[in-house]
């Protein structure tokens, strides 16, 4: 048998080399941490409750923050209730996908 070999030479791809010099970043002076002074006899706790109510096609979300601060044995309770966020529920019907016939 006769073997026929054909050689196809592609054009060389010419790209430009840009000399990128690595520059050192200037050193940033990090701020020294302040001395931590312990606050005695004070504790704060935050309790966040999210309530969701669904009523007649509307969803109402209310957030209630209860902040308790105890200082020198005296308890202070602050309750912050956010404005209810009311959104309408759009009824999205789930439709099954059509069966795909295999080839």
N, C-alpha and C. Protein backbone atom coordinates (compact mmCIF):
# COMPACT_ATOMS: atom_id res chain seq x y z
N UNK A 1 0.81 -1.19 0.00
CA UNK A 1 0.00 0.00 0.00
C UNK A 1 0.85 1.24 0.00
N UNK A 2 0.32 2.25 -0.64
CA UNK A 2 1.01 3.54 -0.70
C UNK A 2 0.45 4.42 0.41
N UNK A 3 1.35 4.99 1.23
CA UNK A 3 0.92 5.87 2.32
C UNK A 3 1.11 7.30 1.86
N UNK A 4 0.06 8.11 1.95
CA UNK A 4 0.13 9.50 1.51
C UNK A 4 0.10 10.37 2.76
N UNK A 5 1.18 11.09 3.03
CA UNK A 5 1.27 11.95 4.21
C UNK A 5 1.27 13.40 3.75
N UNK A 6 0.32 14.19 4.30
CA UNK A 6 0.22 15.60 3.94
C UNK A 6 0.55 16.42 5.18
N UNK A 7 1.47 17.37 5.06
CA UNK A 7 1.86 18.21 6.19
C UNK A 7 1.25 19.59 5.99
N UNK A 8 0.45 20.03 6.98
CA UNK A 8 -0.14 21.37 6.92
C UNK A 8 0.51 22.19 8.02
N UNK A 9 1.18 23.28 7.59
CA UNK A 9 1.84 24.14 8.57
C UNK A 9 0.94 25.32 8.88
N UNK A 10 0.69 25.55 10.18
CA UNK A 10 -0.14 26.70 10.53
C UNK A 10 0.76 27.91 10.73
N UNK A 11 0.17 29.09 10.53
CA UNK A 11 0.92 30.33 10.69
C UNK A 11 1.27 30.52 12.16
N UNK A 12 2.48 30.99 12.46
CA UNK A 12 2.82 31.22 13.87
C UNK A 12 1.98 32.36 14.45
N UNK A 13 1.58 32.18 15.70
CA UNK A 13 0.78 33.21 16.37
C UNK A 13 1.75 34.17 17.04
N UNK A 14 1.65 35.46 16.70
CA UNK A 14 2.58 36.44 17.25
C UNK A 14 1.86 37.22 18.34
N UNK A 15 2.41 37.16 19.55
CA UNK A 15 1.85 37.95 20.64
C UNK A 15 2.94 38.82 21.22
N UNK A 16 2.54 39.96 21.74
CA UNK A 16 3.50 40.90 22.28
C UNK A 16 3.72 40.60 23.76
N UNK A 17 4.95 40.63 24.19
CA UNK A 17 5.26 40.41 25.60
C UNK A 17 5.43 41.77 26.26
N UNK A 18 4.60 42.03 27.25
CA UNK A 18 4.67 43.30 27.97
C UNK A 18 5.45 43.03 29.25
N UNK A 19 6.44 43.85 29.50
CA UNK A 19 7.26 43.66 30.68
C UNK A 19 6.52 44.23 31.89
N UNK A 20 6.07 43.34 32.74
CA UNK A 20 5.37 43.78 33.95
C UNK A 20 6.31 43.65 35.13
N UNK A 21 6.62 44.78 35.70
CA UNK A 21 7.55 44.79 36.83
C UNK A 21 6.76 44.64 38.12
N UNK A 22 7.22 43.79 38.99
CA UNK A 22 6.55 43.60 40.27
C UNK A 22 6.99 44.71 41.22
N UNK A 23 5.99 45.42 41.73
CA UNK A 23 6.28 46.51 42.66
C UNK A 23 5.81 46.08 44.05
N UNK A 24 6.62 46.38 45.03
CA UNK A 24 6.24 46.07 46.41
C UNK A 24 5.25 47.11 46.89
N UNK A 25 4.22 46.65 47.58
CA UNK A 25 3.25 47.57 48.14
C UNK A 25 3.86 48.25 49.36
N UNK A 26 3.55 49.53 49.56
CA UNK A 26 4.09 50.19 50.76
C UNK A 26 3.51 49.55 52.01
N UNK A 27 4.34 49.48 53.04
CA UNK A 27 3.87 48.84 54.27
C UNK A 27 2.85 49.74 54.95
N UNK A 28 1.77 49.13 55.38
CA UNK A 28 0.71 49.88 56.04
C UNK A 28 0.91 49.73 57.54
N UNK A 29 0.93 50.86 58.21
CA UNK A 29 1.09 50.81 59.67
C UNK A 29 -0.23 50.37 60.27
N UNK A 30 -0.19 49.26 60.97
CA UNK A 30 -1.44 48.78 61.57
C UNK A 30 -1.68 49.52 62.87
N UNK A 31 -2.94 49.96 63.06
CA UNK A 31 -3.23 50.68 64.30
C UNK A 31 -3.10 49.76 65.51
N UNK A 32 -2.57 50.30 66.56
CA UNK A 32 -2.39 49.51 67.78
C UNK A 32 -3.75 49.37 68.47
N UNK A 33 -4.09 48.16 68.92
CA UNK A 33 -5.39 48.00 69.59
C UNK A 33 -5.44 48.77 70.90
N UNK A 34 -6.61 49.35 71.14
CA UNK A 34 -6.80 50.08 72.39
C UNK A 34 -6.85 49.08 73.54
N UNK A 35 -6.47 49.53 74.70
CA UNK A 35 -6.55 48.66 75.86
C UNK A 35 -8.03 48.41 76.17
N UNK A 36 -8.38 47.17 76.31
CA UNK A 36 -9.77 46.83 76.61
C UNK A 36 -10.01 47.02 78.10
N UNK A 37 -11.00 47.86 78.39
CA UNK A 37 -11.33 48.06 79.80
C UNK A 37 -12.61 47.29 80.10
N UNK A 38 -12.54 46.35 81.01
CA UNK A 38 -13.74 45.56 81.30
C UNK A 38 -14.81 46.40 81.98
N UNK A 39 -16.04 46.25 81.50
CA UNK A 39 -17.17 46.95 82.13
C UNK A 39 -17.77 45.96 83.12
N UNK A 40 -17.72 46.32 84.37
CA UNK A 40 -18.20 45.42 85.41
C UNK A 40 -19.70 45.53 85.59
N UNK A 41 -20.30 44.41 85.94
CA UNK A 41 -21.72 44.33 86.27
C UNK A 41 -22.63 44.86 85.17
N UNK A 42 -22.29 44.59 83.91
CA UNK A 42 -23.20 45.00 82.85
C UNK A 42 -23.29 43.88 81.82
N UNK A 43 -24.51 43.52 81.48
CA UNK A 43 -24.73 42.48 80.48
C UNK A 43 -25.90 42.87 79.61
N UNK A 44 -25.78 42.62 78.31
CA UNK A 44 -26.84 42.94 77.37
C UNK A 44 -27.17 41.70 76.56
N UNK A 45 -28.45 41.42 76.43
CA UNK A 45 -28.87 40.32 75.56
C UNK A 45 -29.94 40.83 74.61
N UNK A 46 -29.86 40.38 73.36
CA UNK A 46 -30.83 40.79 72.34
C UNK A 46 -31.55 39.54 71.86
N UNK A 47 -32.87 39.59 71.89
CA UNK A 47 -33.68 38.47 71.44
C UNK A 47 -34.52 38.96 70.27
N UNK A 48 -34.34 38.35 69.10
CA UNK A 48 -35.08 38.77 67.91
C UNK A 48 -36.07 37.67 67.54
N UNK A 49 -37.35 38.05 67.49
CA UNK A 49 -38.39 37.09 67.10
C UNK A 49 -39.00 37.57 65.80
N UNK A 50 -39.12 36.67 64.83
CA UNK A 50 -39.77 36.99 63.57
C UNK A 50 -41.07 36.21 63.50
N UNK A 51 -42.18 36.94 63.36
CA UNK A 51 -43.48 36.29 63.30
C UNK A 51 -44.05 36.45 61.90
N UNK A 52 -44.49 35.34 61.31
CA UNK A 52 -45.09 35.36 59.98
C UNK A 52 -46.53 34.90 60.10
N UNK A 53 -47.44 35.74 59.63
CA UNK A 53 -48.87 35.41 59.66
C UNK A 53 -49.37 35.44 58.23
N UNK A 54 -50.02 34.34 57.80
CA UNK A 54 -50.61 34.30 56.46
C UNK A 54 -52.12 34.39 56.63
N UNK A 55 -52.68 35.44 56.01
CA UNK A 55 -54.10 35.72 56.22
C UNK A 55 -54.71 36.16 54.90
N UNK A 56 -55.64 35.40 54.38
CA UNK A 56 -56.38 35.79 53.17
C UNK A 56 -55.50 36.21 52.00
N UNK A 57 -54.50 35.42 51.66
CA UNK A 57 -53.66 35.71 50.50
C UNK A 57 -52.58 36.75 50.75
N UNK A 58 -52.44 37.20 51.98
CA UNK A 58 -51.38 38.17 52.31
C UNK A 58 -50.49 37.59 53.39
N UNK A 59 -49.20 37.89 53.27
CA UNK A 59 -48.23 37.41 54.26
C UNK A 59 -47.74 38.62 55.04
N UNK A 60 -47.84 38.53 56.37
CA UNK A 60 -47.44 39.64 57.24
C UNK A 60 -46.26 39.18 58.08
N UNK A 61 -45.12 39.87 57.94
CA UNK A 61 -43.91 39.52 58.70
C UNK A 61 -43.63 40.65 59.68
N UNK A 62 -43.57 40.31 60.97
CA UNK A 62 -43.28 41.30 62.01
C UNK A 62 -42.04 40.84 62.78
N UNK A 63 -41.11 41.78 62.97
CA UNK A 63 -39.92 41.46 63.76
C UNK A 63 -40.02 42.18 65.09
N UNK A 64 -39.68 41.45 66.17
CA UNK A 64 -39.76 42.02 67.51
C UNK A 64 -38.41 41.82 68.19
N UNK A 65 -37.75 42.92 68.53
CA UNK A 65 -36.45 42.87 69.21
C UNK A 65 -36.66 43.16 70.69
N UNK A 66 -36.19 42.27 71.54
CA UNK A 66 -36.25 42.49 72.98
C UNK A 66 -34.81 42.66 73.46
N UNK A 67 -34.48 43.85 73.93
CA UNK A 67 -33.12 44.14 74.40
C UNK A 67 -33.15 44.24 75.92
N UNK A 68 -32.41 43.35 76.57
CA UNK A 68 -32.34 43.35 78.04
C UNK A 68 -30.95 43.82 78.43
N UNK A 69 -30.90 44.84 79.26
CA UNK A 69 -29.62 45.33 79.77
C UNK A 69 -29.66 45.26 81.28
N UNK A 70 -28.65 44.62 81.85
CA UNK A 70 -28.54 44.54 83.31
C UNK A 70 -27.30 45.33 83.70
N UNK A 71 -27.52 46.41 84.46
CA UNK A 71 -26.40 47.24 84.90
C UNK A 71 -26.55 47.51 86.38
N UNK A 72 -25.52 47.19 87.13
CA UNK A 72 -25.51 47.39 88.58
C UNK A 72 -26.73 46.74 89.25
N UNK A 73 -27.11 45.56 88.76
CA UNK A 73 -28.23 44.85 89.38
C UNK A 73 -29.60 45.33 88.94
N UNK A 74 -29.68 46.37 88.08
CA UNK A 74 -30.97 46.89 87.62
C UNK A 74 -31.20 46.39 86.20
N UNK A 75 -32.36 45.74 85.99
CA UNK A 75 -32.67 45.20 84.66
C UNK A 75 -33.52 46.19 83.88
N UNK A 76 -33.09 46.49 82.66
CA UNK A 76 -33.82 47.40 81.79
C UNK A 76 -34.21 46.61 80.54
N UNK A 77 -35.52 46.55 80.24
CA UNK A 77 -36.00 45.80 79.07
C UNK A 77 -36.59 46.78 78.07
N UNK A 78 -36.10 46.69 76.83
CA UNK A 78 -36.58 47.57 75.77
C UNK A 78 -37.11 46.67 74.65
N UNK A 79 -38.36 46.91 74.23
CA UNK A 79 -38.96 46.11 73.17
C UNK A 79 -39.16 47.00 71.95
N UNK A 80 -38.57 46.59 70.84
CA UNK A 80 -38.71 47.34 69.59
C UNK A 80 -39.43 46.43 68.59
N UNK A 81 -40.61 46.87 68.16
CA UNK A 81 -41.36 46.08 67.19
C UNK A 81 -41.34 46.82 65.86
N UNK A 82 -40.91 46.11 64.81
CA UNK A 82 -40.83 46.75 63.50
C UNK A 82 -42.21 46.82 62.86
N UNK A 83 -42.33 47.71 61.89
CA UNK A 83 -43.57 47.81 61.14
C UNK A 83 -43.79 46.49 60.42
N UNK A 84 -45.02 45.98 60.43
CA UNK A 84 -45.23 44.71 59.73
C UNK A 84 -45.02 44.87 58.22
N UNK A 85 -44.36 43.88 57.65
CA UNK A 85 -44.09 43.89 56.21
C UNK A 85 -45.17 43.03 55.58
N UNK A 86 -46.05 43.63 54.78
CA UNK A 86 -47.15 42.88 54.20
C UNK A 86 -46.87 42.66 52.72
N UNK A 87 -46.86 41.39 52.32
CA UNK A 87 -46.66 41.06 50.91
C UNK A 87 -47.81 40.19 50.46
N UNK A 88 -48.16 40.34 49.17
CA UNK A 88 -49.26 39.55 48.63
C UNK A 88 -48.72 38.23 48.13
N UNK A 89 -49.44 37.16 48.42
CA UNK A 89 -49.02 35.84 47.97
C UNK A 89 -49.64 35.60 46.60
N UNK A 90 -48.78 35.33 45.62
CA UNK A 90 -49.25 35.04 44.27
C UNK A 90 -49.37 33.52 44.18
N UNK A 91 -50.53 33.07 43.77
CA UNK A 91 -50.76 31.63 43.71
C UNK A 91 -50.08 31.07 42.47
N UNK A 92 -48.98 30.37 42.70
CA UNK A 92 -48.25 29.76 41.60
C UNK A 92 -48.59 28.28 41.57
N UNK A 93 -49.19 27.87 40.45
CA UNK A 93 -49.59 26.47 40.33
C UNK A 93 -48.42 25.65 39.82
N UNK A 94 -48.19 24.51 40.43
CA UNK A 94 -47.11 23.64 40.00
C UNK A 94 -47.62 22.74 38.89
N UNK A 95 -46.93 22.80 37.74
CA UNK A 95 -47.34 21.96 36.62
C UNK A 95 -46.26 20.91 36.40
N UNK A 96 -46.67 19.64 36.23
CA UNK A 96 -45.65 18.63 35.95
C UNK A 96 -45.04 18.85 34.56
N UNK A 97 -43.75 18.57 34.44
CA UNK A 97 -43.08 18.72 33.15
C UNK A 97 -43.55 17.62 32.22
N UNK A 98 -43.67 17.93 30.91
CA UNK A 98 -44.08 16.87 29.98
C UNK A 98 -43.01 15.79 29.91
N UNK A 99 -43.46 14.55 29.76
CA UNK A 99 -42.50 13.45 29.71
C UNK A 99 -41.73 13.51 28.41
N UNK A 100 -40.43 13.28 28.48
CA UNK A 100 -39.58 13.32 27.30
C UNK A 100 -39.45 11.91 26.76
N UNK A 101 -39.80 11.76 25.48
CA UNK A 101 -39.67 10.44 24.86
C UNK A 101 -38.21 10.19 24.56
N UNK A 102 -37.69 9.06 25.01
CA UNK A 102 -36.29 8.76 24.75
C UNK A 102 -36.10 8.41 23.28
N UNK A 103 -34.95 8.82 22.75
CA UNK A 103 -34.66 8.60 21.33
C UNK A 103 -34.33 7.15 21.05
